[in-house]
Amino acid sequence: MTTPTHYLYFDGGCRGNGRANPNAKAGYGYVIYNDKNARVADGWEYLGAKTNNYAEYSGFINGMQHAITLGIT
């Protein structure tokens, strides 16, 4: 028996790169697809004044956490 394949795509971004700029706007998004290219889950969040790296890692971490809650390992 083979394990189903899933794909996590994620991205994060920031305008104004947050740490030194209280007016920065950051956020992330992710989507999980199965091996038949059907969307299994997605999510996104506005983060406020955060750095671009924080937004990028947030997309990855939250996408992985969602995959785990779905039993995707």
PDB file of N, CA and C in Angstrom:
ATOM      1  N   MET A   1       0.837  -1.178   0.000  1.00  0.00           N
ATOM      2  CA  MET A   1       0.000   0.000   0.000  1.00  0.00           C
ATOM      3  C   MET A   1       0.890   1.253   0.000  1.00  0.00           C
ATOM      4  N   THR A   2       0.589   2.190  -0.846  1.00  0.00           N
ATOM      5  CA  THR A   2       1.392   3.413  -0.914  1.00  0.00           C
ATOM      6  C   THR A   2       0.716   4.535  -0.123  1.00  0.00           C
ATOM      7  N   THR A   3       1.530   5.407   0.392  1.00  0.00           N
ATOM      8  CA  THR A   3       1.039   6.563   1.123  1.00  0.00           C
ATOM      9  C   THR A   3       0.668   7.658   0.131  1.00  0.00           C
ATOM     10  N   PRO A   4      -0.516   8.269   0.277  1.00  0.00           N
ATOM     11  CA  PRO A   4      -0.891   9.347  -0.645  1.00  0.00           C
ATOM     12  C   PRO A   4       0.098  10.521  -0.542  1.00  0.00           C
ATOM     13  N   THR A   5       0.329  11.159  -1.660  1.00  0.00           N
ATOM     14  CA  THR A   5       1.211  12.317  -1.707  1.00  0.00           C
ATOM     15  C   THR A   5       0.387  13.593  -1.589  1.00  0.00           C
ATOM     16  N   HIS A   6       0.885  14.523  -0.818  1.00  0.00           N
ATOM     17  CA  HIS A   6       0.268  15.842  -0.688  1.00  0.00           C
ATOM     18  C   HIS A   6       1.335  16.900  -0.914  1.00  0.00           C
ATOM     19  N   TYR A   7       0.896  18.066  -1.347  1.00  0.00           N
ATOM     20  CA  TYR A   7       1.808  19.174  -1.642  1.00  0.00           C
ATOM     21  C   TYR A   7       1.365  20.404  -0.872  1.00  0.00           C
ATOM     22  N   LEU A   8       2.313  21.025  -0.190  1.00  0.00           N
ATOM     23  CA  LEU A   8       2.055  22.270   0.535  1.00  0.00           C
ATOM     24  C   LEU A   8       2.741  23.407  -0.207  1.00  0.00           C
ATOM     25  N   TYR A   9       1.958  24.395  -0.590  1.00  0.00           N
ATOM     26  CA  TYR A   9       2.491  25.625  -1.177  1.00  0.00           C
ATOM     27  C   TYR A   9       2.203  26.746  -0.193  1.00  0.00           C
ATOM     28  N   PHE A  10       3.185  27.595   0.042  1.00  0.00           N
ATOM     29  CA  PHE A  10       3.001  28.672   1.012  1.00  0.00           C
ATOM     30  C   PHE A  10       3.783  29.897   0.574  1.00  0.00           C
ATOM     31  N   ASP A  11       3.395  31.027   1.095  1.00  0.00           N
ATOM     32  CA  ASP A  11       4.127  32.265   0.832  1.00  0.00           C
ATOM     33  C   ASP A  11       3.796  33.257   1.934  1.00  0.00           C
ATOM     34  N   GLY A  12       4.714  34.150   2.167  1.00  0.00           N
ATOM     35  CA  GLY A  12       4.512  35.235   3.111  1.00  0.00           C
ATOM     36  C   GLY A  12       5.128  36.481   2.530  1.00  0.00           C
ATOM     37  N   GLY A  13       4.638  37.610   2.949  1.00  0.00           N
ATOM     38  CA  GLY A  13       5.184  38.861   2.432  1.00  0.00           C
ATOM     39  C   GLY A  13       4.935  39.998   3.392  1.00  0.00           C
ATOM     40  N   CYS A  14       5.656  41.086   3.143  1.00  0.00           N
ATOM     41  CA  CYS A  14       5.553  42.256   4.006  1.00  0.00           C
ATOM     42  C   CYS A  14       5.808  43.519   3.205  1.00  0.00           C
ATOM     43  N   ARG A  15       5.009  44.512   3.441  1.00  0.00           N
ATOM     44  CA  ARG A  15       5.272  45.861   2.925  1.00  0.00           C
ATOM     45  C   ARG A  15       5.816  46.700   4.044  1.00  0.00           C
ATOM     46  N   GLY A  16       6.987  47.237   3.848  1.00  0.00           N
ATOM     47  CA  GLY A  16       7.572  48.108   4.859  1.00  0.00           C
ATOM     48  C   GLY A  16       8.436  47.395   5.886  1.00  0.00           C
ATOM     49  N   ASN A  17       8.642  46.128   5.740  1.00  0.00           N
ATOM     50  CA  ASN A  17       9.437  45.260   6.619  1.00  0.00           C
ATOM     51  C   ASN A  17       9.419  45.682   8.076  1.00  0.00           C
ATOM     52  N   GLY A  18       8.479  45.160   8.777  1.00  0.00           N
ATOM     53  CA  GLY A  18       7.957  45.465  10.081  1.00  0.00           C
ATOM     54  C   GLY A  18       8.749  45.842  11.282  1.00  0.00           C
ATOM     55  N   ARG A  19       9.875  45.255  11.582  1.00  0.00           N
ATOM     56  CA  ARG A  19      10.464  45.469  12.893  1.00  0.00           C
ATOM     57  C   ARG A  19      10.712  46.945  13.178  1.00  0.00           C
ATOM     58  N   ALA A  20      11.240  47.679  12.232  1.00  0.00           N
ATOM     59  CA  ALA A  20      11.535  49.094  12.457  1.00  0.00           C
ATOM     60  C   ALA A  20      10.401  50.002  11.980  1.00  0.00           C
ATOM     61  N   ASN A  21       9.358  49.427  11.407  1.00  0.00           N
ATOM     62  CA  ASN A  21       8.286  50.216  10.817  1.00  0.00           C
ATOM     63  C   ASN A  21       6.939  49.784  11.399  1.00  0.00           C
ATOM     64  N   PRO A  22       6.374  50.556  12.307  1.00  0.00           N
ATOM     65  CA  PRO A  22       5.095  50.172  12.916  1.00  0.00           C
ATOM     66  C   PRO A  22       3.926  50.178  11.926  1.00  0.00           C
ATOM     67  N   ASN A  23       4.120  50.759  10.743  1.00  0.00           N
ATOM     68  CA  ASN A  23       3.062  50.784   9.728  1.00  0.00           C
ATOM     69  C   ASN A  23       3.175  49.635   8.733  1.00  0.00           C
ATOM     70  N   ALA A  24       4.111  48.722   8.957  1.00  0.00           N
ATOM     71  CA  ALA A  24       4.297  47.592   8.045  1.00  0.00           C
ATOM     72  C   ALA A  24       3.053  46.718   8.041  1.00  0.00           C
ATOM     73  N   LYS A  25       2.847  46.055   6.918  1.00  0.00           N
ATOM     74  CA  LYS A  25       1.723  45.130   6.773  1.00  0.00           C
ATOM     75  C   LYS A  25       2.256  43.803   6.261  1.00  0.00           C
ATOM     76  N   ALA A  26       2.078  42.749   7.047  1.00  0.00           N
ATOM     77  CA  ALA A  26       2.584  41.428   6.683  1.00  0.00           C
ATOM     78  C   ALA A  26       1.464  40.401   6.741  1.00  0.00           C
ATOM     79  N   GLY A  27       1.630  39.322   6.004  1.00  0.00           N
ATOM     80  CA  GLY A  27       0.666  38.232   6.024  1.00  0.00           C
ATOM     81  C   GLY A  27       1.224  37.019   5.319  1.00  0.00           C
ATOM     82  N   TYR A  28       0.489  35.926   5.416  1.00  0.00           N
ATOM     83  CA  TYR A  28       0.908  34.690   4.747  1.00  0.00           C
ATOM     84  C   TYR A  28      -0.318  33.950   4.245  1.00  0.00           C
ATOM     85  N   GLY A  29      -0.052  32.969   3.396  1.00  0.00           N
ATOM     86  CA  GLY A  29      -1.097  32.072   2.924  1.00  0.00           C
ATOM     87  C   GLY A  29      -0.492  30.730   2.583  1.00  0.00           C
ATOM     88  N   TYR A  30      -1.327  29.706   2.612  1.00  0.00           N
ATOM     89  CA  TYR A  30      -0.872  28.378   2.215  1.00  0.00           C
ATOM     90  C   TYR A  30      -2.041  27.617   1.602  1.00  0.00           C
ATOM     91  N   VAL A  31      -1.705  26.607   0.822  1.00  0.00           N
ATOM     92  CA  VAL A  31      -2.702  25.711   0.247  1.00  0.00           C
ATOM     93  C   VAL A  31      -2.100  24.311   0.194  1.00  0.00           C
ATOM     94  N   ILE A  32      -2.926  23.300   0.471  1.00  0.00           N
ATOM     95  CA  ILE A  32      -2.502  21.902   0.435  1.00  0.00           C
ATOM     96  C   ILE A  32      -3.308  21.202  -0.650  1.00  0.00           C
ATOM     97  N   TYR A  33      -2.597  20.517  -1.552  1.00  0.00           N
ATOM     98  CA  TYR A  33      -3.223  19.748  -2.632  1.00  0.00           C
ATOM     99  C   TYR A  33      -2.909  18.271  -2.445  1.00  0.00           C
ATOM    100  N   ASN A  34      -3.798  17.415  -2.922  1.00  0.00           N
ATOM    101  CA  ASN A  34      -3.495  15.982  -2.922  1.00  0.00           C
ATOM    102  C   ASN A  34      -2.860  15.603  -4.255  1.00  0.00           C
ATOM    103  N   ASP A  35      -2.594  14.315  -4.436  1.00  0.00           N
ATOM    104  CA  ASP A  35      -1.893  13.871  -5.643  1.00  0.00           C
ATOM    105  C   ASP A  35      -2.769  13.921  -6.900  1.00  0.00           C
ATOM    106  N   LYS A  36      -4.051  14.195  -6.734  1.00  0.00           N
ATOM    107  CA  LYS A  36      -4.941  14.365  -7.887  1.00  0.00           C
ATOM    108  C   LYS A  36      -5.190  15.847  -8.188  1.00  0.00           C
ATOM    109  N   ASN A  37      -4.382  16.698  -7.577  1.00  0.00           N
ATOM    110  CA  ASN A  37      -4.420  18.148  -7.760  1.00  0.00           C
ATOM    111  C   ASN A  37      -5.722  18.773  -7.242  1.00  0.00           C
ATOM    112  N   ALA A  38      -6.350  18.116  -6.283  1.00  0.00           N
ATOM    113  CA  ALA A  38      -7.544  18.673  -5.638  1.00  0.00           C
ATOM    114  C   ALA A  38      -7.123  19.417  -4.373  1.00  0.00           C
ATOM    115  N   ARG A  39      -7.709  20.572  -4.165  1.00  0.00           N
ATOM    116  CA  ARG A  39      -7.396  21.354  -2.976  1.00  0.00           C
ATOM    117  C   ARG A  39      -7.967  20.667  -1.751  1.00  0.00           C
ATOM    118  N   VAL A  40      -7.107  20.410  -0.778  1.00  0.00           N
ATOM    119  CA  VAL A  40      -7.502  19.738   0.451  1.00  0.00           C
ATOM    120  C   VAL A  40      -7.769  20.760   1.557  1.00  0.00           C
ATOM    121  N   ALA A  41      -6.941  21.793   1.625  1.00  0.00           N
ATOM    122  CA  ALA A  41      -7.075  22.797   2.682  1.00  0.00           C
ATOM    123  C   ALA A  41      -6.334  24.061   2.269  1.00  0.00           C
ATOM    124  N   ASP A  42      -6.687  25.161   2.902  1.00  0.00           N
ATOM    125  CA  ASP A  42      -5.945  26.407   2.708  1.00  0.00           C
ATOM    126  C   ASP A  42      -6.135  27.287   3.930  1.00  0.00           C
ATOM    127  N   GLY A  43      -5.319  28.296   4.021  1.00  0.00           N
ATOM    128  CA  GLY A  43      -5.417  29.222   5.135  1.00  0.00           C
ATOM    129  C   GLY A  43      -4.585  30.459   4.869  1.00  0.00           C
ATOM    130  N   TRP A  44      -4.889  31.500   5.598  1.00  0.00           N
ATOM    131  CA  TRP A  44      -4.153  32.755   5.474  1.00  0.00           C
ATOM    132  C   TRP A  44      -4.391  33.566   6.721  1.00  0.00           C
ATOM    133  N   GLU A  45      -3.509  34.545   6.937  1.00  0.00           N
ATOM    134  CA  GLU A  45      -3.644  35.404   8.106  1.00  0.00           C
ATOM    135  C   GLU A  45      -2.918  36.718   7.870  1.00  0.00           C
ATOM    136  N   TYR A  46      -3.534  37.792   8.306  1.00  0.00           N
ATOM    137  CA  TYR A  46      -2.887  39.102   8.359  1.00  0.00           C
ATOM    138  C   TYR A  46      -2.104  39.157   9.657  1.00  0.00           C
ATOM    139  N   LEU A  47      -0.835  39.528   9.603  1.00  0.00           N
ATOM    140  CA  LEU A  47       0.037  39.503  10.770  1.00  0.00           C
ATOM    141  C   LEU A  47       0.333  40.877  11.351  1.00  0.00           C
ATOM    142  N   GLY A  48       0.037  41.933  10.624  1.00  0.00           N
ATOM    143  CA  GLY A  48       0.357  43.266  11.122  1.00  0.00           C
ATOM    144  C   GLY A  48       1.818  43.608  10.891  1.00  0.00           C
ATOM    145  N   ALA A  49       2.411  44.303  11.840  1.00  0.00           N
ATOM    146  CA  ALA A  49       3.790  44.794  11.701  1.00  0.00           C
ATOM    147  C   ALA A  49       4.787  43.697  12.059  1.00  0.00           C
ATOM    148  N   LYS A  50       5.105  42.868  11.085  1.00  0.00           N
ATOM    149  CA  LYS A  50       6.100  41.806  11.239  1.00  0.00           C
ATOM    150  C   LYS A  50       7.074  41.882  10.075  1.00  0.00           C
ATOM    151  N   THR A  51       8.175  41.173  10.175  1.00  0.00           N
ATOM    152  CA  THR A  51       9.157  41.163   9.096  1.00  0.00           C
ATOM    153  C   THR A  51       8.738  40.187   7.996  1.00  0.00           C
ATOM    154  N   ASN A  52       9.370  40.316   6.837  1.00  0.00           N
ATOM    155  CA  ASN A  52       9.100  39.410   5.738  1.00  0.00           C
ATOM    156  C   ASN A  52       9.451  37.974   6.116  1.00  0.00           C
ATOM    157  N   ASN A  53      10.584  37.771   6.783  1.00  0.00           N
ATOM    158  CA  ASN A  53      10.970  36.417   7.195  1.00  0.00           C
ATOM    159  C   ASN A  53       9.944  35.815   8.142  1.00  0.00           C
ATOM    160  N   TYR A  54       9.437  36.595   9.052  1.00  0.00           N
ATOM    161  CA  TYR A  54       8.409  36.114   9.976  1.00  0.00           C
ATOM    162  C   TYR A  54       7.190  35.649   9.192  1.00  0.00           C
ATOM    163  N   ALA A  55       6.781  36.416   8.196  1.00  0.00           N
ATOM    164  CA  ALA A  55       5.617  36.061   7.381  1.00  0.00           C
ATOM    165  C   ALA A  55       5.874  34.779   6.595  1.00  0.00           C
ATOM    166  N   GLU A  56       7.054  34.643   6.006  1.00  0.00           N
ATOM    167  CA  GLU A  56       7.390  33.442   5.238  1.00  0.00           C
ATOM    168  C   GLU A  56       7.343  32.196   6.129  1.00  0.00           C
ATOM    169  N   TYR A  57       8.007  32.252   7.269  1.00  0.00           N
ATOM    170  CA  TYR A  57       8.024  31.105   8.174  1.00  0.00           C
ATOM    171  C   TYR A  57       6.636  30.813   8.737  1.00  0.00           C
ATOM    172  N   SER A  58       5.838  31.831   8.959  1.00  0.00           N
ATOM    173  CA  SER A  58       4.473  31.621   9.454  1.00  0.00           C
ATOM    174  C   SER A  58       3.648  30.829   8.449  1.00  0.00           C
ATOM    175  N   GLY A  59       3.814  31.116   7.167  1.00  0.00           N
ATOM    176  CA  GLY A  59       3.110  30.360   6.140  1.00  0.00           C
ATOM    177  C   GLY A  59       3.493  28.891   6.167  1.00  0.00           C
ATOM    178  N   PHE A  60       4.781  28.628   6.274  1.00  0.00           N
ATOM    179  CA  PHE A  60       5.271  27.249   6.319  1.00  0.00           C
ATOM    180  C   PHE A  60       4.782  26.526   7.572  1.00  0.00           C
ATOM    181  N   ILE A  61       4.982  27.140   8.721  1.00  0.00           N
ATOM    182  CA  ILE A  61       4.635  26.501   9.996  1.00  0.00           C
ATOM    183  C   ILE A  61       3.137  26.238  10.089  1.00  0.00           C
ATOM    184  N   ASN A  62       2.320  27.227   9.751  1.00  0.00           N
ATOM    185  CA  ASN A  62       0.878  27.044   9.851  1.00  0.00           C
ATOM    186  C   ASN A  62       0.356  26.048   8.824  1.00  0.00           C
ATOM    187  N   GLY A  63       0.948  26.021   7.650  1.00  0.00           N
ATOM    188  CA  GLY A  63       0.579  25.025   6.654  1.00  0.00           C
ATOM    189  C   GLY A  63       0.908  23.615   7.123  1.00  0.00           C
ATOM    190  N   MET A  64       2.084  23.438   7.712  1.00  0.00           N
ATOM    191  CA  MET A  64       2.470  22.131   8.232  1.00  0.00           C
ATOM    192  C   MET A  64       1.575  21.710   9.397  1.00  0.00           C
ATOM    193  N   GLN A  65       1.251  22.643  10.279  1.00  0.00           N
ATOM    194  CA  GLN A  65       0.373  22.327  11.403  1.00  0.00           C
ATOM    195  C   GLN A  65      -1.004  21.895  10.912  1.00  0.00           C
ATOM    196  N   HIS A  66      -1.520  22.566   9.891  1.00  0.00           N
ATOM    197  CA  HIS A  66      -2.821  22.190   9.340  1.00  0.00           C
ATOM    198  C   HIS A  66      -2.746  20.797   8.720  1.00  0.00           C
ATOM    199  N   ALA A  67      -1.661  20.513   8.001  1.00  0.00           N
ATOM    200  CA  ALA A  67      -1.487  19.187   7.409  1.00  0.00           C
ATOM    201  C   ALA A  67      -1.487  18.106   8.498  1.00  0.00           C
ATOM    202  N   ILE A  68      -0.815  18.355   9.591  1.00  0.00           N
ATOM    203  CA  ILE A  68      -0.763  17.383  10.681  1.00  0.00           C
ATOM    204  C   ILE A  68      -2.148  17.154  11.277  1.00  0.00           C
ATOM    205  N   THR A  69      -2.935  18.223  11.442  1.00  0.00           N
ATOM    206  CA  THR A  69      -4.298  18.051  11.974  1.00  0.00           C
ATOM    207  C   THR A  69      -5.174  17.226  11.036  1.00  0.00           C
ATOM    208  N   LEU A  70      -4.840  17.215   9.745  1.00  0.00           N
ATOM    209  CA  LEU A  70      -5.570  16.401   8.776  1.00  0.00           C
ATOM    210  C   LEU A  70      -5.031  14.978   8.674  1.00  0.00           C
ATOM    211  N   GLY A  71      -3.986  14.685   9.425  1.00  0.00           N
ATOM    212  CA  GLY A  71      -3.384  13.348   9.389  1.00  0.00           C
ATOM    213  C   GLY A  71      -2.397  13.158   8.268  1.00  0.00           C
ATOM    214  N   ILE A  72      -1.974  14.251   7.660  1.00  0.00           N
ATOM    215  CA  ILE A  72      -0.986  14.196   6.577  1.00  0.00           C
ATOM    216  C   ILE A  72       0.389  14.291   7.231  1.00  0.00           C
ATOM    217  N   THR A  73       1.200  13.252   7.033  1.00  0.00           N
ATOM    218  CA  THR A  73       2.521  13.266   7.672  1.00  0.00           C
ATOM    219  C   THR A  73       3.610  13.014   6.649  1.00  0.00           C
TER     220      THR A  73
END
